[in-house]
């Protein structure tokens, strides 16, 4: 029995899907949805092998209802290792308690991440435009920290390479409020820091 379990585990890993247990917060509180991190080795054995990391949101039956590949152009970029790599995938998943909104942190470069927020629309999820996020450059890390009881999302934003820009600001905490149907995002507070390490 143990050998069968090991074989099944190896087959699962070979598929490129990361189990929910390996991606904290991946399953929604109501148990009906799950964020899955997928890292597929493309063109294996070819002249230009590369990886295609991206996240997906699955429903109860395991069907993909959202794919990062369909949402945005994951730019090909050269990495330190041979081949071509695509940045993407889920680094952190944070569901709101009612399972109606989810914040997913995804990698945008070797040093940076961004947060994408989705709201539930019937049997699927749709992306929410957050204008405040658009000003971040390719060196900024934007990490979702927590959902507050009133439904607001608190994020930890670290400026690129910890350089002192914008008057010495190296990072700040950002709070975003979501209201309406479909929900719209508005900034409610911003707490800046000047000596972040």
N, C-alpha and C. Protein backbone atom coordinates (compact mmCIF):
# COMPACT_ATOMS: atom_id res chain seq x y z
N UNK A 1 0.82 -1.20 0.00
CA UNK A 1 0.00 0.00 0.00
C UNK A 1 0.86 1.25 0.00
N UNK A 2 1.95 1.21 0.77
CA UNK A 2 2.82 2.38 0.85
C UNK A 2 3.42 2.70 -0.51
N UNK A 3 3.83 1.65 -1.25
CA UNK A 3 4.44 1.87 -2.56
C UNK A 3 3.44 2.49 -3.52
N UNK A 4 2.16 2.10 -3.40
CA UNK A 4 1.13 2.70 -4.25
C UNK A 4 0.96 4.18 -3.92
N UNK A 5 0.97 4.50 -2.62
CA UNK A 5 0.82 5.90 -2.20
C UNK A 5 1.97 6.75 -2.71
N UNK A 6 3.19 6.20 -2.62
CA UNK A 6 4.37 6.93 -3.12
C UNK A 6 4.26 7.16 -4.62
N UNK A 7 3.81 6.14 -5.35
CA UNK A 7 3.67 6.26 -6.80
C UNK A 7 2.65 7.33 -7.15
N UNK A 8 1.53 7.35 -6.44
CA UNK A 8 0.50 8.35 -6.70
C UNK A 8 1.03 9.76 -6.41
N UNK A 9 1.81 9.90 -5.34
CA UNK A 9 2.39 11.20 -4.99
C UNK A 9 3.33 11.67 -6.08
N UNK A 10 4.15 10.76 -6.61
CA UNK A 10 5.09 11.12 -7.67
C UNK A 10 4.36 11.55 -8.93
N UNK A 11 3.28 10.84 -9.26
CA UNK A 11 2.49 11.20 -10.43
C UNK A 11 1.87 12.57 -10.25
N UNK A 12 1.41 12.88 -9.04
CA UNK A 12 0.81 14.18 -8.76
C UNK A 12 1.83 15.29 -8.90
N UNK A 13 3.02 15.09 -8.36
CA UNK A 13 4.07 16.09 -8.46
C UNK A 13 4.50 16.28 -9.90
N UNK A 14 4.54 15.21 -10.67
CA UNK A 14 4.94 15.30 -12.07
C UNK A 14 3.96 16.13 -12.88
N UNK A 15 2.71 16.20 -12.44
CA UNK A 15 1.71 16.98 -13.16
C UNK A 15 1.96 18.47 -13.00
N UNK A 16 2.77 18.86 -12.01
CA UNK A 16 3.08 20.27 -11.81
C UNK A 16 2.15 20.97 -10.85
N UNK A 17 1.12 20.29 -10.36
CA UNK A 17 0.19 20.93 -9.45
C UNK A 17 0.70 20.82 -8.02
N UNK A 18 0.59 21.92 -7.28
CA UNK A 18 1.00 21.94 -5.89
C UNK A 18 -0.23 21.69 -5.03
N UNK A 19 -0.15 20.71 -4.14
CA UNK A 19 -1.28 20.36 -3.30
C UNK A 19 -1.65 21.51 -2.38
N UNK A 20 -2.92 21.54 -1.99
CA UNK A 20 -3.40 22.61 -1.12
C UNK A 20 -2.61 22.70 0.18
N UNK A 21 -2.18 21.54 0.68
CA UNK A 21 -1.42 21.51 1.93
C UNK A 21 -0.10 22.24 1.79
N UNK A 22 0.42 22.33 0.57
CA UNK A 22 1.70 22.99 0.33
C UNK A 22 1.53 24.47 0.00
N UNK A 23 0.28 24.93 -0.12
CA UNK A 23 -0.01 26.32 -0.44
C UNK A 23 -0.96 26.84 0.62
N UNK A 24 -0.43 27.42 1.71
CA UNK A 24 -1.27 27.82 2.84
C UNK A 24 -2.43 28.73 2.42
N UNK A 25 -3.60 28.45 2.94
CA UNK A 25 -4.76 29.28 2.67
C UNK A 25 -5.41 29.03 1.33
N UNK A 26 -5.02 27.96 0.65
CA UNK A 26 -5.48 27.75 -0.72
C UNK A 26 -6.97 27.45 -0.80
N UNK A 27 -7.50 26.70 0.16
CA UNK A 27 -8.92 26.33 0.11
C UNK A 27 -9.77 27.40 0.78
N UNK A 28 -10.90 27.73 0.15
CA UNK A 28 -11.79 28.75 0.68
C UNK A 28 -12.41 28.28 1.99
N UNK A 29 -12.79 29.22 2.88
CA UNK A 29 -13.38 28.84 4.17
C UNK A 29 -14.62 27.97 4.04
N UNK A 30 -15.42 28.16 2.97
CA UNK A 30 -16.62 27.33 2.80
C UNK A 30 -16.32 25.99 2.13
N UNK A 31 -15.05 25.76 1.77
CA UNK A 31 -14.63 24.50 1.20
C UNK A 31 -15.03 24.26 -0.23
N UNK A 32 -15.60 25.27 -0.90
CA UNK A 32 -16.11 25.07 -2.25
C UNK A 32 -15.12 25.43 -3.35
N UNK A 33 -14.06 26.15 -3.00
CA UNK A 33 -13.10 26.60 -4.01
C UNK A 33 -11.67 26.42 -3.50
N UNK A 34 -10.74 26.36 -4.42
CA UNK A 34 -9.34 26.16 -4.05
C UNK A 34 -8.43 26.83 -5.09
N UNK A 35 -7.41 27.52 -4.58
CA UNK A 35 -6.39 28.09 -5.45
C UNK A 35 -5.26 27.07 -5.57
N UNK A 36 -4.92 26.72 -6.80
CA UNK A 36 -3.90 25.71 -7.07
C UNK A 36 -2.74 26.35 -7.82
N UNK A 37 -1.53 26.08 -7.36
CA UNK A 37 -0.33 26.59 -8.02
C UNK A 37 0.14 25.54 -9.02
N UNK A 38 0.31 25.94 -10.26
CA UNK A 38 0.70 25.03 -11.33
C UNK A 38 2.04 25.46 -11.90
N UNK A 39 2.96 24.51 -12.01
CA UNK A 39 4.28 24.81 -12.56
C UNK A 39 4.61 23.72 -13.57
N UNK A 40 4.33 23.96 -14.83
CA UNK A 40 4.49 22.95 -15.87
C UNK A 40 5.81 23.15 -16.60
N UNK A 41 6.57 22.09 -16.75
CA UNK A 41 7.82 22.13 -17.49
C UNK A 41 7.50 22.01 -18.98
N UNK A 42 7.63 23.12 -19.70
CA UNK A 42 7.28 23.16 -21.11
C UNK A 42 8.46 22.77 -21.99
N UNK A 43 8.17 22.13 -23.09
CA UNK A 43 9.19 21.77 -24.07
C UNK A 43 10.32 20.96 -23.43
N UNK A 44 9.94 20.06 -22.55
CA UNK A 44 10.95 19.25 -21.86
C UNK A 44 11.80 18.47 -22.86
N UNK A 45 13.10 18.59 -22.73
CA UNK A 45 14.00 17.89 -23.61
C UNK A 45 14.27 18.62 -24.91
N UNK A 46 13.60 19.75 -25.12
CA UNK A 46 13.79 20.50 -26.35
C UNK A 46 14.98 21.44 -26.27
N UNK A 47 15.14 22.26 -27.28
CA UNK A 47 16.27 23.19 -27.32
C UNK A 47 16.10 24.35 -26.34
N UNK A 48 14.83 24.74 -26.07
CA UNK A 48 14.59 25.89 -25.21
C UNK A 48 13.56 25.54 -24.12
N UNK A 49 13.95 24.70 -23.18
CA UNK A 49 13.01 24.34 -22.12
C UNK A 49 12.72 25.54 -21.22
N UNK A 50 11.50 25.68 -20.79
CA UNK A 50 11.15 26.73 -19.86
C UNK A 50 9.99 26.25 -18.99
N UNK A 51 9.76 26.96 -17.92
CA UNK A 51 8.69 26.61 -17.00
C UNK A 51 7.55 27.61 -17.16
N UNK A 52 6.36 27.15 -16.87
CA UNK A 52 5.18 27.99 -17.04
C UNK A 52 4.38 28.01 -15.74
N UNK A 53 4.87 28.72 -14.71
CA UNK A 53 4.15 28.77 -13.44
C UNK A 53 2.94 29.70 -13.54
N UNK A 54 1.83 29.27 -13.01
CA UNK A 54 0.64 30.11 -12.94
C UNK A 54 -0.31 29.52 -11.91
N UNK A 55 -1.27 30.32 -11.49
CA UNK A 55 -2.25 29.81 -10.54
C UNK A 55 -3.60 29.61 -11.22
N UNK A 56 -4.40 28.76 -10.62
CA UNK A 56 -5.77 28.51 -11.09
C UNK A 56 -6.69 28.47 -9.88
N UNK A 57 -7.96 28.81 -10.09
CA UNK A 57 -8.98 28.63 -9.07
C UNK A 57 -9.87 27.50 -9.53
N UNK A 58 -10.04 26.49 -8.68
CA UNK A 58 -10.85 25.32 -8.99
C UNK A 58 -12.12 25.32 -8.15
N UNK A 59 -13.19 24.73 -8.71
CA UNK A 59 -14.41 24.56 -7.93
C UNK A 59 -14.41 23.20 -7.22
N UNK A 60 -15.52 22.84 -6.61
CA UNK A 60 -15.59 21.61 -5.81
C UNK A 60 -15.26 20.36 -6.62
N UNK A 61 -15.64 20.36 -7.89
CA UNK A 61 -15.41 19.18 -8.73
C UNK A 61 -14.02 19.16 -9.34
N UNK A 62 -13.19 20.18 -9.03
CA UNK A 62 -11.84 20.24 -9.57
C UNK A 62 -11.73 20.94 -10.90
N UNK A 63 -12.83 21.50 -11.39
CA UNK A 63 -12.81 22.20 -12.67
C UNK A 63 -12.16 23.57 -12.52
N UNK A 64 -11.32 23.94 -13.50
CA UNK A 64 -10.67 25.24 -13.50
C UNK A 64 -11.68 26.31 -13.91
N UNK A 65 -11.93 27.27 -13.02
CA UNK A 65 -12.85 28.35 -13.35
C UNK A 65 -12.12 29.68 -13.57
N UNK A 66 -10.86 29.77 -13.11
CA UNK A 66 -10.01 30.94 -13.36
C UNK A 66 -8.61 30.44 -13.62
N UNK A 67 -7.96 30.96 -14.66
CA UNK A 67 -6.56 30.65 -14.94
C UNK A 67 -5.78 31.94 -15.12
N UNK A 68 -4.65 32.04 -14.43
CA UNK A 68 -3.82 33.24 -14.56
C UNK A 68 -3.35 33.44 -15.99
N UNK A 69 -3.16 32.35 -16.73
CA UNK A 69 -2.69 32.46 -18.11
C UNK A 69 -3.70 33.19 -18.99
N UNK A 70 -4.99 33.05 -18.65
CA UNK A 70 -6.03 33.71 -19.43
C UNK A 70 -6.23 35.16 -19.01
N UNK A 71 -5.70 35.51 -17.83
CA UNK A 71 -5.91 36.86 -17.29
C UNK A 71 -4.89 37.87 -17.77
N UNK A 72 -3.65 37.43 -17.94
CA UNK A 72 -2.59 38.38 -18.22
C UNK A 72 -1.46 37.73 -19.01
N UNK A 73 -0.68 38.58 -19.64
CA UNK A 73 0.46 38.11 -20.42
C UNK A 73 1.64 37.93 -19.47
N UNK A 74 2.02 36.70 -19.22
CA UNK A 74 3.15 36.41 -18.35
C UNK A 74 4.42 36.49 -19.17
N UNK A 75 5.07 37.63 -19.10
CA UNK A 75 6.19 37.95 -19.97
C UNK A 75 7.35 36.98 -19.81
N UNK A 76 7.86 36.52 -20.94
CA UNK A 76 9.06 35.68 -20.92
C UNK A 76 10.26 36.54 -20.54
N UNK A 77 11.09 36.02 -19.66
CA UNK A 77 12.25 36.78 -19.23
C UNK A 77 13.40 35.82 -18.95
N UNK A 78 14.60 36.24 -19.23
CA UNK A 78 15.77 35.40 -18.99
C UNK A 78 16.08 35.35 -17.51
N UNK A 79 16.41 34.19 -17.02
CA UNK A 79 16.75 34.00 -15.62
C UNK A 79 18.23 33.65 -15.54
N UNK A 80 18.73 33.44 -14.32
CA UNK A 80 20.14 33.09 -14.16
C UNK A 80 20.46 31.71 -14.74
N UNK A 81 19.49 30.80 -14.68
CA UNK A 81 19.70 29.46 -15.17
C UNK A 81 19.37 29.36 -16.65
N UNK A 82 19.87 28.34 -17.34
CA UNK A 82 19.62 28.21 -18.78
C UNK A 82 18.13 28.08 -19.08
N UNK A 83 17.73 28.55 -20.25
CA UNK A 83 16.34 28.44 -20.67
C UNK A 83 15.56 29.71 -20.42
N UNK A 84 14.30 29.67 -20.71
CA UNK A 84 13.43 30.82 -20.55
C UNK A 84 12.41 30.52 -19.46
N UNK A 85 12.17 31.47 -18.58
CA UNK A 85 11.26 31.26 -17.47
C UNK A 85 10.13 32.29 -17.52
N UNK A 86 8.98 31.92 -17.00
CA UNK A 86 7.86 32.83 -16.90
C UNK A 86 7.57 33.06 -15.43
N UNK A 87 7.44 34.33 -15.04
CA UNK A 87 7.12 34.61 -13.65
C UNK A 87 5.61 34.59 -13.48
N UNK A 88 5.17 34.09 -12.38
CA UNK A 88 3.75 33.98 -12.09
C UNK A 88 3.54 33.02 -10.95
N UNK A 89 2.40 32.39 -10.90
CA UNK A 89 2.11 31.44 -9.85
C UNK A 89 1.66 32.12 -8.56
N UNK A 90 1.17 31.33 -7.63
CA UNK A 90 0.66 31.85 -6.36
C UNK A 90 1.71 31.70 -5.27
N UNK A 91 2.08 32.81 -4.64
CA UNK A 91 3.00 32.78 -3.51
C UNK A 91 2.24 32.75 -2.20
N UNK A 92 1.12 33.48 -2.17
CA UNK A 92 0.32 33.55 -0.95
C UNK A 92 -1.14 33.70 -1.34
N UNK A 93 -2.01 33.01 -0.60
CA UNK A 93 -3.45 33.07 -0.86
C UNK A 93 -4.16 33.48 0.43
N UNK A 94 -5.05 34.48 0.32
CA UNK A 94 -5.75 34.98 1.49
C UNK A 94 -7.23 35.14 1.15
N UNK A 95 -8.06 34.23 1.66
CA UNK A 95 -9.50 34.28 1.44
C UNK A 95 -10.17 35.15 2.51
N UNK A 96 -11.20 35.90 2.09
CA UNK A 96 -12.02 36.58 3.09
C UNK A 96 -12.91 35.54 3.76
N UNK A 97 -13.35 35.80 4.97
CA UNK A 97 -14.07 34.80 5.76
C UNK A 97 -15.34 34.31 5.09
N UNK A 98 -15.98 35.17 4.26
CA UNK A 98 -17.23 34.77 3.61
C UNK A 98 -17.01 34.05 2.29
N UNK A 99 -15.75 33.83 1.91
CA UNK A 99 -15.38 33.14 0.67
C UNK A 99 -15.82 33.88 -0.59
N UNK A 100 -16.17 35.16 -0.47
CA UNK A 100 -16.62 35.94 -1.62
C UNK A 100 -15.48 36.69 -2.29
N UNK A 101 -14.39 36.91 -1.58
CA UNK A 101 -13.22 37.59 -2.13
C UNK A 101 -11.97 36.81 -1.77
N UNK A 102 -10.99 36.86 -2.66
CA UNK A 102 -9.70 36.22 -2.40
C UNK A 102 -8.59 37.09 -2.95
N UNK A 103 -7.51 37.23 -2.17
CA UNK A 103 -6.33 37.97 -2.59
C UNK A 103 -5.20 36.98 -2.84
N UNK A 104 -4.59 37.07 -4.01
CA UNK A 104 -3.52 36.15 -4.39
C UNK A 104 -2.26 36.95 -4.71
N UNK A 105 -1.18 36.64 -4.00
CA UNK A 105 0.11 37.27 -4.29
C UNK A 105 0.83 36.43 -5.34
N UNK A 106 1.27 37.09 -6.41
CA UNK A 106 1.95 36.39 -7.50
C UNK A 106 3.25 37.11 -7.84
N UNK A 107 4.22 36.34 -8.28
CA UNK A 107 5.55 36.89 -8.57
C UNK A 107 5.57 37.58 -9.93
N UNK A 108 6.15 38.79 -9.97
CA UNK A 108 6.24 39.55 -11.22
C UNK A 108 7.66 39.69 -11.74
N UNK A 109 8.64 39.43 -10.89
CA UNK A 109 10.05 39.44 -11.31
C UNK A 109 10.84 38.70 -10.24
N UNK A 110 12.15 38.68 -10.37
CA UNK A 110 12.99 37.98 -9.39
C UNK A 110 12.88 38.61 -8.01
N UNK A 111 12.54 39.91 -7.95
CA UNK A 111 12.55 40.62 -6.68
C UNK A 111 11.19 41.18 -6.28
N UNK A 112 10.17 40.97 -7.08
CA UNK A 112 8.91 41.65 -6.82
C UNK A 112 7.70 40.74 -6.93
N UNK A 113 6.63 41.15 -6.25
CA UNK A 113 5.34 40.47 -6.34
C UNK A 113 4.23 41.51 -6.45
N UNK A 114 3.06 41.05 -6.83
CA UNK A 114 1.88 41.91 -6.82
C UNK A 114 0.72 41.09 -6.27
N UNK A 115 -0.34 41.78 -5.87
CA UNK A 115 -1.54 41.11 -5.36
C UNK A 115 -2.69 41.31 -6.33
N UNK A 116 -3.37 40.22 -6.64
CA UNK A 116 -4.56 40.27 -7.50
C UNK A 116 -5.75 39.87 -6.65
N UNK A 117 -6.83 40.65 -6.72
CA UNK A 117 -8.02 40.39 -5.91
C UNK A 117 -9.16 39.95 -6.82
N UNK A 118 -9.87 38.89 -6.40
CA UNK A 118 -11.01 38.37 -7.15
C UNK A 118 -12.26 38.39 -6.29
N UNK A 119 -13.42 38.56 -6.93
CA UNK A 119 -14.69 38.45 -6.22
C UNK A 119 -15.52 37.34 -6.86
N UNK A 120 -16.33 36.71 -6.04
CA UNK A 120 -17.17 35.63 -6.53
C UNK A 120 -18.34 36.19 -7.34
N UNK A 121 -18.54 35.64 -8.52
CA UNK A 121 -19.65 36.02 -9.38
C UNK A 121 -20.36 34.74 -9.82
N UNK A 122 -21.32 34.30 -9.03
CA UNK A 122 -22.02 33.05 -9.34
C UNK A 122 -21.11 31.85 -9.17
N UNK A 123 -20.88 31.14 -10.25
CA UNK A 123 -20.06 29.93 -10.21
C UNK A 123 -18.59 30.19 -10.53
N UNK A 124 -18.22 31.46 -10.73
CA UNK A 124 -16.84 31.76 -11.08
C UNK A 124 -16.34 32.94 -10.26
N UNK A 125 -15.12 33.39 -10.55
CA UNK A 125 -14.54 34.56 -9.90
C UNK A 125 -14.04 35.53 -10.96
N UNK A 126 -14.17 36.83 -10.67
CA UNK A 126 -13.70 37.86 -11.59
C UNK A 126 -12.73 38.80 -10.88
N UNK A 127 -11.82 39.33 -11.66
CA UNK A 127 -10.79 40.20 -11.10
C UNK A 127 -11.34 41.58 -10.78
N UNK A 128 -10.89 42.14 -9.66
CA UNK A 128 -11.27 43.49 -9.27
C UNK A 128 -10.13 44.44 -9.60
N UNK A 129 -10.44 45.52 -10.27
CA UNK A 129 -9.43 46.52 -10.59
C UNK A 129 -9.13 47.33 -9.34
N UNK A 130 -7.83 47.39 -8.98
CA UNK A 130 -7.40 48.18 -7.82
C UNK A 130 -6.41 49.23 -8.32
N UNK A 131 -6.90 50.46 -8.62
CA UNK A 131 -6.04 51.50 -9.21
C UNK A 131 -4.78 51.77 -8.39
N UNK A 132 -4.88 51.62 -7.08
CA UNK A 132 -3.73 51.91 -6.21
C UNK A 132 -2.56 50.99 -6.53
N UNK A 133 -2.84 49.77 -7.03
CA UNK A 133 -1.78 48.82 -7.34
C UNK A 133 -1.02 49.18 -8.60
N UNK A 134 -1.63 49.98 -9.47
CA UNK A 134 -1.04 50.24 -10.79
C UNK A 134 0.25 51.06 -10.71
N UNK A 135 0.45 51.76 -9.61
CA UNK A 135 1.64 52.63 -9.49
C UNK A 135 2.89 51.86 -9.08
N UNK A 136 2.74 50.61 -8.68
CA UNK A 136 3.90 49.83 -8.23
C UNK A 136 4.79 49.48 -9.41
N UNK A 137 6.11 49.56 -9.21
CA UNK A 137 7.04 49.23 -10.28
C UNK A 137 7.49 47.78 -10.14
N UNK A 138 8.44 47.39 -11.01
CA UNK A 138 8.87 46.00 -11.06
C UNK A 138 9.77 45.61 -9.89
N UNK A 139 10.04 46.54 -8.97
CA UNK A 139 10.88 46.22 -7.81
C UNK A 139 10.11 46.24 -6.50
N UNK A 140 8.80 46.35 -6.58
CA UNK A 140 7.97 46.46 -5.38
C UNK A 140 7.33 45.13 -5.02
N UNK A 141 7.31 44.82 -3.73
CA UNK A 141 6.60 43.63 -3.27
C UNK A 141 5.31 44.07 -2.58
N UNK A 142 4.20 43.48 -3.01
CA UNK A 142 2.89 43.80 -2.45
C UNK A 142 2.28 42.50 -1.90
N UNK A 143 2.27 42.38 -0.56
CA UNK A 143 1.82 41.14 0.08
C UNK A 143 0.52 41.36 0.84
N UNK A 144 -0.51 40.54 0.60
CA UNK A 144 -1.74 40.64 1.40
C UNK A 144 -1.49 40.11 2.81
N UNK A 145 -1.82 40.91 3.82
CA UNK A 145 -1.57 40.52 5.21
C UNK A 145 -2.78 39.90 5.88
N UNK A 146 -3.93 40.57 5.78
CA UNK A 146 -5.13 40.08 6.47
C UNK A 146 -6.38 40.79 5.95
N UNK A 147 -7.49 40.09 6.12
CA UNK A 147 -8.81 40.69 5.91
C UNK A 147 -9.32 41.14 7.28
N UNK A 148 -9.76 42.37 7.36
CA UNK A 148 -10.31 42.86 8.63
C UNK A 148 -11.78 42.46 8.76
N UNK A 149 -12.32 42.60 9.97
CA UNK A 149 -13.69 42.17 10.23
C UNK A 149 -14.70 42.93 9.36
N UNK A 150 -14.37 44.17 8.99
CA UNK A 150 -15.29 44.95 8.16
C UNK A 150 -15.15 44.64 6.67
N UNK A 151 -14.27 43.68 6.33
CA UNK A 151 -14.11 43.28 4.94
C UNK A 151 -12.99 43.98 4.20
N UNK A 152 -12.27 44.91 4.87
CA UNK A 152 -11.16 45.61 4.23
C UNK A 152 -9.93 44.70 4.17
N UNK A 153 -9.11 44.93 3.16
CA UNK A 153 -7.88 44.16 2.97
C UNK A 153 -6.67 45.01 3.33
N UNK A 154 -5.81 44.48 4.20
CA UNK A 154 -4.58 45.17 4.58
C UNK A 154 -3.41 44.52 3.85
N UNK A 155 -2.57 45.36 3.21
CA UNK A 155 -1.43 44.86 2.45
C UNK A 155 -0.14 45.47 2.96
N UNK A 156 0.94 44.72 2.84
CA UNK A 156 2.28 45.16 3.20
C UNK A 156 3.04 45.43 1.91
N UNK A 157 3.40 46.69 1.70
CA UNK A 157 4.07 47.09 0.46
C UNK A 157 5.51 47.48 0.78
N UNK A 158 6.47 46.82 0.13
CA UNK A 158 7.89 47.11 0.32
C UNK A 158 8.47 47.64 -0.97
N UNK A 159 9.12 48.80 -0.89
CA UNK A 159 9.70 49.41 -2.08
C UNK A 159 10.90 48.61 -2.57
N UNK A 160 11.18 48.71 -3.86
CA UNK A 160 12.21 47.90 -4.49
C UNK A 160 13.59 48.03 -3.90
N UNK A 161 14.19 46.88 -3.66
CA UNK A 161 15.56 46.79 -3.15
C UNK A 161 15.77 47.58 -1.86
N UNK A 162 14.69 47.91 -1.17
CA UNK A 162 14.75 48.68 0.07
C UNK A 162 15.44 50.03 -0.14
N UNK A 163 15.32 50.59 -1.33
CA UNK A 163 15.92 51.90 -1.59
C UNK A 163 15.05 52.99 -1.01
N UNK A 164 15.66 54.05 -0.54
CA UNK A 164 14.91 55.15 0.05
C UNK A 164 14.49 56.13 -1.05
N UNK A 165 13.25 55.96 -1.47
CA UNK A 165 12.70 56.85 -2.49
C UNK A 165 11.47 57.53 -1.92
N UNK A 166 10.92 58.48 -2.66
CA UNK A 166 9.70 59.16 -2.24
C UNK A 166 9.87 59.75 -0.83
N UNK A 167 10.94 60.55 -0.65
CA UNK A 167 11.15 61.20 0.63
C UNK A 167 11.62 60.28 1.73
N UNK A 168 12.27 59.18 1.39
CA UNK A 168 12.80 58.26 2.38
C UNK A 168 11.86 57.13 2.73
N UNK A 169 10.70 57.04 2.07
CA UNK A 169 9.75 55.98 2.36
C UNK A 169 10.26 54.67 1.77
N UNK A 170 10.37 53.65 2.61
CA UNK A 170 10.84 52.34 2.14
C UNK A 170 9.73 51.31 2.11
N UNK A 171 8.61 51.60 2.74
CA UNK A 171 7.49 50.67 2.73
C UNK A 171 6.31 51.25 3.46
N UNK A 172 5.16 50.62 3.31
CA UNK A 172 3.97 51.11 4.01
C UNK A 172 2.89 50.03 4.04
N UNK A 173 1.94 50.24 4.92
CA UNK A 173 0.78 49.37 5.02
C UNK A 173 -0.40 50.07 4.36
N UNK A 174 -1.08 49.34 3.50
CA UNK A 174 -2.15 49.90 2.69
C UNK A 174 -3.45 49.16 3.01
N UNK A 175 -4.52 49.91 3.22
CA UNK A 175 -5.83 49.30 3.49
C UNK A 175 -6.78 49.64 2.36
N UNK A 176 -7.40 48.59 1.79
CA UNK A 176 -8.31 48.76 0.65
C UNK A 176 -9.72 48.31 1.07
N UNK A 177 -10.71 49.14 0.74
CA UNK A 177 -12.11 48.82 1.03
C UNK A 177 -12.82 48.39 -0.25
N UNK A 178 -13.66 47.38 -0.15
CA UNK A 178 -14.41 46.88 -1.30
C UNK A 178 -15.91 47.02 -1.02
N UNK A 179 -16.62 47.69 -1.94
CA UNK A 179 -18.05 47.89 -1.75
C UNK A 179 -18.75 47.89 -3.09
N UNK A 180 -20.03 47.49 -3.09
CA UNK A 180 -20.84 47.49 -4.31
C UNK A 180 -20.94 46.12 -4.92
N UNK A 181 -21.71 46.02 -5.99
CA UNK A 181 -21.89 44.76 -6.72
C UNK A 181 -21.95 45.07 -8.22
N UNK A 182 -20.86 44.82 -8.96
CA UNK A 182 -19.61 44.20 -8.49
C UNK A 182 -18.82 45.15 -7.60
N UNK A 183 -17.99 44.61 -6.72
CA UNK A 183 -17.27 45.46 -5.77
C UNK A 183 -16.23 46.35 -6.45
N UNK A 184 -16.15 47.58 -5.94
CA UNK A 184 -15.11 48.52 -6.38
C UNK A 184 -14.16 48.76 -5.22
N UNK A 185 -12.88 48.98 -5.56
CA UNK A 185 -11.84 49.13 -4.54
C UNK A 185 -11.50 50.59 -4.32
N UNK A 186 -11.41 50.99 -3.05
CA UNK A 186 -10.97 52.35 -2.71
C UNK A 186 -9.99 52.27 -1.54
N UNK A 187 -8.98 53.12 -1.57
CA UNK A 187 -8.00 53.17 -0.48
C UNK A 187 -8.59 53.89 0.72
N UNK A 188 -8.46 53.30 1.89
CA UNK A 188 -8.98 53.94 3.10
C UNK A 188 -7.88 54.46 4.01
N UNK A 189 -6.70 53.85 3.97
CA UNK A 189 -5.61 54.34 4.81
C UNK A 189 -4.27 53.88 4.26
N UNK A 190 -3.23 54.62 4.70
CA UNK A 190 -1.87 54.30 4.28
C UNK A 190 -0.92 54.72 5.39
N UNK A 191 -0.18 53.76 5.93
CA UNK A 191 0.77 54.03 7.01
C UNK A 191 2.17 53.82 6.49
N UNK A 192 2.93 54.91 6.38
CA UNK A 192 4.26 54.83 5.77
C UNK A 192 5.35 54.56 6.80
N UNK A 193 6.43 53.94 6.32
CA UNK A 193 7.61 53.67 7.15
C UNK A 193 8.85 54.17 6.43
N UNK A 194 9.80 54.66 7.19
CA UNK A 194 11.01 55.22 6.58
C UNK A 194 12.27 54.41 6.86
N UNK A 195 12.21 53.47 7.77
CA UNK A 195 13.42 52.73 8.14
C UNK A 195 13.20 51.24 8.06
N UNK A 196 12.47 50.78 7.06
CA UNK A 196 12.20 49.36 6.93
C UNK A 196 13.47 48.62 6.47
N UNK A 197 13.77 47.54 7.12
CA UNK A 197 14.95 46.74 6.80
C UNK A 197 14.58 45.61 5.84
